[in-house]
N, C-alpha and C. Protein backbone atom coordinates (compact mmCIF):
# COMPACT_ATOMS: atom_id res chain seq x y z
N MET A 1 -8.53 -30.79 -4.91
CA MET A 1 -8.63 -30.73 -3.49
C MET A 1 -7.36 -31.31 -3.30
N LYS A 2 -6.14 -30.71 -2.39
CA LYS A 2 -4.86 -31.34 -2.30
C LYS A 2 -5.47 -31.84 -0.85
N GLN A 3 -4.83 -33.05 -0.84
CA GLN A 3 -4.89 -33.91 0.67
C GLN A 3 -3.80 -33.08 1.79
N PRO A 4 -4.57 -33.12 2.91
CA PRO A 4 -3.67 -32.65 4.20
C PRO A 4 -2.50 -33.53 4.40
N LEU A 5 -1.63 -32.98 4.68
CA LEU A 5 -0.42 -33.70 4.95
C LEU A 5 -0.72 -34.40 6.25
N ARG A 6 -0.49 -35.79 6.15
CA ARG A 6 -0.85 -36.68 7.54
C ARG A 6 0.47 -37.20 8.32
N THR A 7 1.32 -37.16 7.14
CA THR A 7 2.70 -38.00 7.73
C THR A 7 3.50 -37.16 8.80
N GLU A 8 4.29 -37.82 9.80
CA GLU A 8 5.29 -37.16 10.55
C GLU A 8 6.07 -36.40 9.76
N LYS A 9 6.56 -36.63 8.51
CA LYS A 9 7.58 -36.07 7.57
C LYS A 9 6.78 -34.95 7.27
N GLY A 10 5.51 -34.82 6.75
CA GLY A 10 4.91 -33.65 6.63
C GLY A 10 4.47 -32.68 7.63
N ARG A 11 4.43 -33.16 8.88
CA ARG A 11 3.97 -32.35 9.95
C ARG A 11 5.44 -31.40 10.13
N LEU A 12 6.78 -32.19 10.24
CA LEU A 12 7.86 -31.46 10.62
C LEU A 12 8.16 -30.80 9.56
N LEU A 13 7.68 -30.96 8.40
CA LEU A 13 8.08 -30.07 7.08
C LEU A 13 7.24 -28.46 7.38
N LEU A 14 6.16 -28.76 8.07
CA LEU A 14 5.13 -27.54 8.15
C LEU A 14 5.75 -26.78 9.38
N ASN A 15 6.05 -27.64 10.45
CA ASN A 15 6.78 -27.04 11.48
C ASN A 15 7.76 -26.00 11.46
N GLY A 16 8.63 -26.73 10.50
CA GLY A 16 10.00 -26.13 9.75
C GLY A 16 9.59 -24.78 9.10
N LEU A 17 8.75 -24.81 8.39
CA LEU A 17 8.23 -23.79 7.52
C LEU A 17 7.22 -22.68 8.40
N ALA A 18 6.63 -23.10 9.48
CA ALA A 18 6.06 -22.25 10.17
C ALA A 18 7.31 -21.56 11.01
N VAL A 19 8.41 -21.91 11.85
CA VAL A 19 9.53 -21.58 12.51
C VAL A 19 10.10 -20.59 11.37
N GLU A 20 10.73 -21.04 10.27
CA GLU A 20 11.05 -20.00 9.34
C GLU A 20 10.22 -18.81 9.17
N THR A 21 9.14 -18.82 8.99
CA THR A 21 8.08 -17.76 8.82
C THR A 21 7.98 -17.02 9.90
N ILE A 22 7.97 -17.39 11.05
CA ILE A 22 7.95 -16.76 12.50
C ILE A 22 9.37 -15.92 12.40
N LYS A 23 10.68 -16.42 12.19
CA LYS A 23 11.57 -15.83 12.10
C LYS A 23 11.70 -14.71 11.05
N ASP A 24 11.38 -15.06 9.98
CA ASP A 24 11.12 -14.27 8.96
C ASP A 24 10.38 -12.73 9.27
N ILE A 25 9.35 -12.98 9.88
CA ILE A 25 8.23 -11.96 10.36
C ILE A 25 9.09 -10.90 11.54
N LYS A 26 9.78 -11.83 12.42
CA LYS A 26 10.46 -11.10 13.34
C LYS A 26 11.23 -10.18 12.80
N GLN A 27 12.33 -10.55 11.95
CA GLN A 27 13.03 -9.69 11.05
C GLN A 27 12.45 -8.78 10.39
N LEU A 28 11.42 -9.06 10.00
CA LEU A 28 10.56 -7.93 9.05
C LEU A 28 10.05 -6.93 10.28
N LYS A 29 9.66 -7.29 11.24
CA LYS A 29 9.03 -6.36 12.11
C LYS A 29 10.42 -5.25 12.56
N LYS A 30 11.63 -5.92 12.72
CA LYS A 30 12.63 -5.08 13.43
C LYS A 30 13.15 -4.40 12.15
N ILE A 31 13.10 -4.59 10.90
CA ILE A 31 13.47 -3.66 9.78
C ILE A 31 12.47 -2.70 9.90
N VAL A 32 11.13 -2.88 9.87
CA VAL A 32 10.15 -1.91 9.79
C VAL A 32 10.20 -0.88 10.85
N THR A 33 10.48 -1.42 12.32
CA THR A 33 10.62 -0.61 13.31
C THR A 33 11.62 0.46 13.20
N VAL A 34 12.86 0.03 12.90
CA VAL A 34 13.93 0.60 12.58
C VAL A 34 13.83 1.73 11.66
N HIS A 35 13.09 1.38 10.37
CA HIS A 35 12.95 2.16 9.37
C HIS A 35 11.84 3.40 9.88
N LEU A 36 11.02 2.94 10.40
CA LEU A 36 9.86 4.23 11.39
C LEU A 36 10.67 5.06 12.01
N THR A 37 11.42 4.50 13.10
CA THR A 37 12.27 5.08 14.05
C THR A 37 13.13 6.38 13.19
N HIS A 38 13.60 5.84 12.18
CA HIS A 38 14.59 6.24 11.30
C HIS A 38 13.77 7.60 10.60
N LEU A 39 12.71 7.34 10.20
CA LEU A 39 11.83 8.36 9.64
C LEU A 39 11.39 9.43 10.52
N LEU A 40 10.77 8.85 11.73
CA LEU A 40 10.24 9.69 12.85
C LEU A 40 11.52 10.65 13.22
N ARG A 41 12.84 10.20 13.14
CA ARG A 41 14.07 11.22 13.56
C ARG A 41 14.31 12.00 12.55
N LYS A 42 14.14 11.70 11.53
CA LYS A 42 14.85 12.32 10.28
C LYS A 42 13.87 13.27 9.78
N LYS A 43 12.53 12.75 9.40
CA LYS A 43 11.21 13.22 8.98
C LYS A 43 10.06 13.04 9.38
N PRO A 44 9.61 13.71 10.51
CA PRO A 44 8.70 13.39 11.22
C PRO A 44 7.29 13.69 10.34
N LYS A 45 7.36 14.87 9.66
CA LYS A 45 6.36 14.96 8.83
C LYS A 45 5.82 14.18 7.79
N GLN A 46 7.05 13.53 7.18
CA GLN A 46 6.65 12.48 6.20
C GLN A 46 6.24 11.12 6.96
N PHE A 47 6.82 11.00 8.34
CA PHE A 47 6.30 10.04 8.94
C PHE A 47 4.74 9.71 9.02
N TRP A 48 4.26 11.13 9.64
CA TRP A 48 2.90 11.02 9.93
C TRP A 48 2.00 10.89 8.73
N LYS A 49 2.74 11.37 7.39
CA LYS A 49 1.68 11.58 6.23
C LYS A 49 1.66 9.73 6.14
N SER A 50 2.98 9.18 6.28
CA SER A 50 2.73 7.70 5.80
C SER A 50 1.54 6.91 6.54
N PHE A 51 1.13 7.39 7.75
CA PHE A 51 0.28 6.51 8.74
C PHE A 51 -1.19 7.37 8.09
N VAL A 52 -1.35 8.68 7.81
CA VAL A 52 -2.47 9.06 7.33
C VAL A 52 -3.07 8.29 6.31
N MET A 53 -2.07 8.43 5.11
CA MET A 53 -2.71 7.56 4.05
C MET A 53 -2.87 6.19 4.48
């Protein structure tokens, strides 16, 4: 069993990680959205297939 981080440093580290993760998720969402809109414009059939599967 790992001990939970109770120190301020540990907390700051975790907060930093959380912020980075949120940034990454936002970036990923943006990429996915762009990709999906691109698919929808270029190949609508393929776009809907990707949702059905």
